[in-house]
Amino acid sequence: MTSINNPAEVRKHIESFARPNGYSPYAWNVTKRIAQEIWDCHLAGRSYSRPVNFMCNEFYQMIQMPETGEYIIPRAGFKMYGA
């Protein structure tokens, strides 16, 4: 995947992830919505100030640059479960 530069590319990136086993459709939609909010802040050059703590690896992959694997928010600002 190439660099993500607009909301349509963000949606495509987020939607490329399958819902993990055990995640309800509601929880998955909330997870994707928060990933979208983080990307929206990133694209607008704003900081994301809410806590970021999720229990599925897919969420953390959603908030990484696909081409580099770098997180779009500071890694020190969140705790990864199960990693």
C-alpha atoms as a PDB file:
ATOM      1  CA  MET A   1       0.000   0.000   0.000  1.00  0.00           C
ATOM      2  CA  THR A   2       1.181   3.504  -0.725  1.00  0.00           C
ATOM      3  CA  SER A   3       1.214   6.462   1.637  1.00  0.00           C
ATOM      4  CA  ILE A   4      -2.101   7.504   3.173  1.00  0.00           C
ATOM      5  CA  ASN A   5      -2.880  11.140   2.441  1.00  0.00           C
ATOM      6  CA  ASN A   6      -6.664  11.572   2.549  1.00  0.00           C
ATOM      7  CA  PRO A   7      -9.805  10.290   4.320  1.00  0.00           C
ATOM      8  CA  ALA A   8     -10.745   7.916   1.481  1.00  0.00           C
ATOM      9  CA  GLU A   9      -7.367   6.180   1.727  1.00  0.00           C
ATOM     10  CA  VAL A  10      -7.753   6.014   5.517  1.00  0.00           C
ATOM     11  CA  ARG A  11     -11.163   4.315   5.178  1.00  0.00           C
ATOM     12  CA  LYS A  12      -9.757   1.828   2.672  1.00  0.00           C
ATOM     13  CA  HIS A  13      -6.831   1.069   4.998  1.00  0.00           C
ATOM     14  CA  ILE A  14      -9.058   0.604   8.066  1.00  0.00           C
ATOM     15  CA  GLU A  15     -11.592  -1.510   6.187  1.00  0.00           C
ATOM     16  CA  SER A  16      -8.806  -3.829   4.983  1.00  0.00           C
ATOM     17  CA  PHE A  17      -8.668  -5.414   8.454  1.00  0.00           C
ATOM     18  CA  ALA A  18     -10.953  -8.302   9.369  1.00  0.00           C
ATOM     19  CA  ARG A  19     -12.825  -8.292  12.670  1.00  0.00           C
ATOM     20  CA  PRO A  20     -10.926 -10.454  15.175  1.00  0.00           C
ATOM     21  CA  ASN A  21     -12.535 -13.558  16.607  1.00  0.00           C
ATOM     22  CA  GLY A  22     -14.396 -12.715  19.775  1.00  0.00           C
ATOM     23  CA  TYR A  23     -14.966  -9.059  18.850  1.00  0.00           C
ATOM     24  CA  SER A  24     -18.624  -8.132  18.562  1.00  0.00           C
ATOM     25  CA  PRO A  25     -19.663  -6.120  15.519  1.00  0.00           C
ATOM     26  CA  TYR A  26     -20.374  -3.173  17.848  1.00  0.00           C
ATOM     27  CA  ALA A  27     -16.913  -3.295  19.467  1.00  0.00           C
ATOM     28  CA  TRP A  28     -15.297  -3.610  16.025  1.00  0.00           C
ATOM     29  CA  ASN A  29     -17.172  -0.572  14.703  1.00  0.00           C
ATOM     30  CA  VAL A  30     -16.076   1.465  17.744  1.00  0.00           C
ATOM     31  CA  THR A  31     -12.495   0.321  17.188  1.00  0.00           C
ATOM     32  CA  LYS A  32     -12.574   1.389  13.537  1.00  0.00           C
ATOM     33  CA  ARG A  33     -14.213   4.724  14.406  1.00  0.00           C
ATOM     34  CA  ILE A  34     -11.456   5.549  16.900  1.00  0.00           C
ATOM     35  CA  ALA A  35      -8.761   4.569  14.397  1.00  0.00           C
ATOM     36  CA  GLN A  36     -10.468   6.922  11.916  1.00  0.00           C
ATOM     37  CA  GLU A  37     -10.436   9.748  14.497  1.00  0.00           C
ATOM     38  CA  ILE A  38      -6.723   9.213  15.094  1.00  0.00           C
ATOM     39  CA  TRP A  39      -6.039   9.324  11.352  1.00  0.00           C
ATOM     40  CA  ASP A  40      -8.202  12.448  10.965  1.00  0.00           C
ATOM     41  CA  CYS A  41      -6.081  14.204  13.592  1.00  0.00           C
ATOM     42  CA  HIS A  42      -2.888  12.979  11.940  1.00  0.00           C
ATOM     43  CA  LEU A  43      -3.937  14.241   8.514  1.00  0.00           C
ATOM     44  CA  ALA A  44      -4.943  17.610   9.996  1.00  0.00           C
ATOM     45  CA  GLY A  45      -1.655  17.935  11.914  1.00  0.00           C
ATOM     46  CA  ARG A  46      -3.415  17.829  15.307  1.00  0.00           C
ATOM     47  CA  SER A  47      -2.528  15.773  18.351  1.00  0.00           C
ATOM     48  CA  TYR A  48      -4.876  13.017  19.455  1.00  0.00           C
ATOM     49  CA  SER A  49      -5.397  13.533  23.169  1.00  0.00           C
ATOM     50  CA  ARG A  50      -7.701  10.703  24.236  1.00  0.00           C
ATOM     51  CA  PRO A  51      -6.343   7.483  25.798  1.00  0.00           C
ATOM     52  CA  VAL A  52      -5.435   4.757  23.302  1.00  0.00           C
ATOM     53  CA  ASN A  53      -5.632   1.279  24.837  1.00  0.00           C
ATOM     54  CA  PHE A  54      -7.164  -1.569  22.851  1.00  0.00           C
ATOM     55  CA  MET A  55      -6.986  -5.318  23.098  1.00  0.00           C
ATOM     56  CA  CYS A  56      -6.542  -6.335  19.473  1.00  0.00           C
ATOM     57  CA  ASN A  57      -3.456  -6.115  17.319  1.00  0.00           C
ATOM     58  CA  GLU A  58      -5.540  -5.064  14.322  1.00  0.00           C
ATOM     59  CA  PHE A  59      -6.278  -1.719  15.961  1.00  0.00           C
ATOM     60  CA  TYR A  60      -2.581  -0.954  16.364  1.00  0.00           C
ATOM     61  CA  GLN A  61      -1.947  -1.960  12.761  1.00  0.00           C
ATOM     62  CA  MET A  62      -4.690   0.435  11.677  1.00  0.00           C
ATOM     63  CA  ILE A  63      -2.816   3.369  13.223  1.00  0.00           C
ATOM     64  CA  GLN A  64       0.498   2.553  11.548  1.00  0.00           C
ATOM     65  CA  MET A  65       1.792   3.882   8.260  1.00  0.00           C
ATOM     66  CA  PRO A  66       1.432   0.861   5.964  1.00  0.00           C
ATOM     67  CA  GLU A  67       4.681   1.475   4.108  1.00  0.00           C
ATOM     68  CA  THR A  68       6.898   1.955   7.186  1.00  0.00           C
ATOM     69  CA  GLY A  69       5.053   0.456  10.155  1.00  0.00           C
ATOM     70  CA  GLU A  70       5.536   3.711  12.075  1.00  0.00           C
ATOM     71  CA  TYR A  71       2.717   4.704  14.390  1.00  0.00           C
ATOM     72  CA  ILE A  72       0.937   7.937  13.520  1.00  0.00           C
ATOM     73  CA  ILE A  73       0.754   8.896  17.205  1.00  0.00           C
ATOM     74  CA  PRO A  74       3.608   8.687  19.716  1.00  0.00           C
ATOM     75  CA  ARG A  75       4.140   5.069  20.802  1.00  0.00           C
ATOM     76  CA  ALA A  76       4.788   6.226  24.367  1.00  0.00           C
ATOM     77  CA  GLY A  77       1.189   7.446  24.548  1.00  0.00           C
ATOM     78  CA  PHE A  78      -0.461   4.022  24.548  1.00  0.00           C
ATOM     79  CA  LYS A  79      -0.255   0.563  26.032  1.00  0.00           C
ATOM     80  CA  MET A  80      -0.509  -2.468  23.796  1.00  0.00           C
ATOM     81  CA  TYR A  81      -2.223  -5.514  25.248  1.00  0.00           C
ATOM     82  CA  GLY A  82      -0.944  -8.942  24.352  1.00  0.00           C
ATOM     83  CA  ALA A  83       2.190  -7.622  22.663  1.00  0.00           C
END
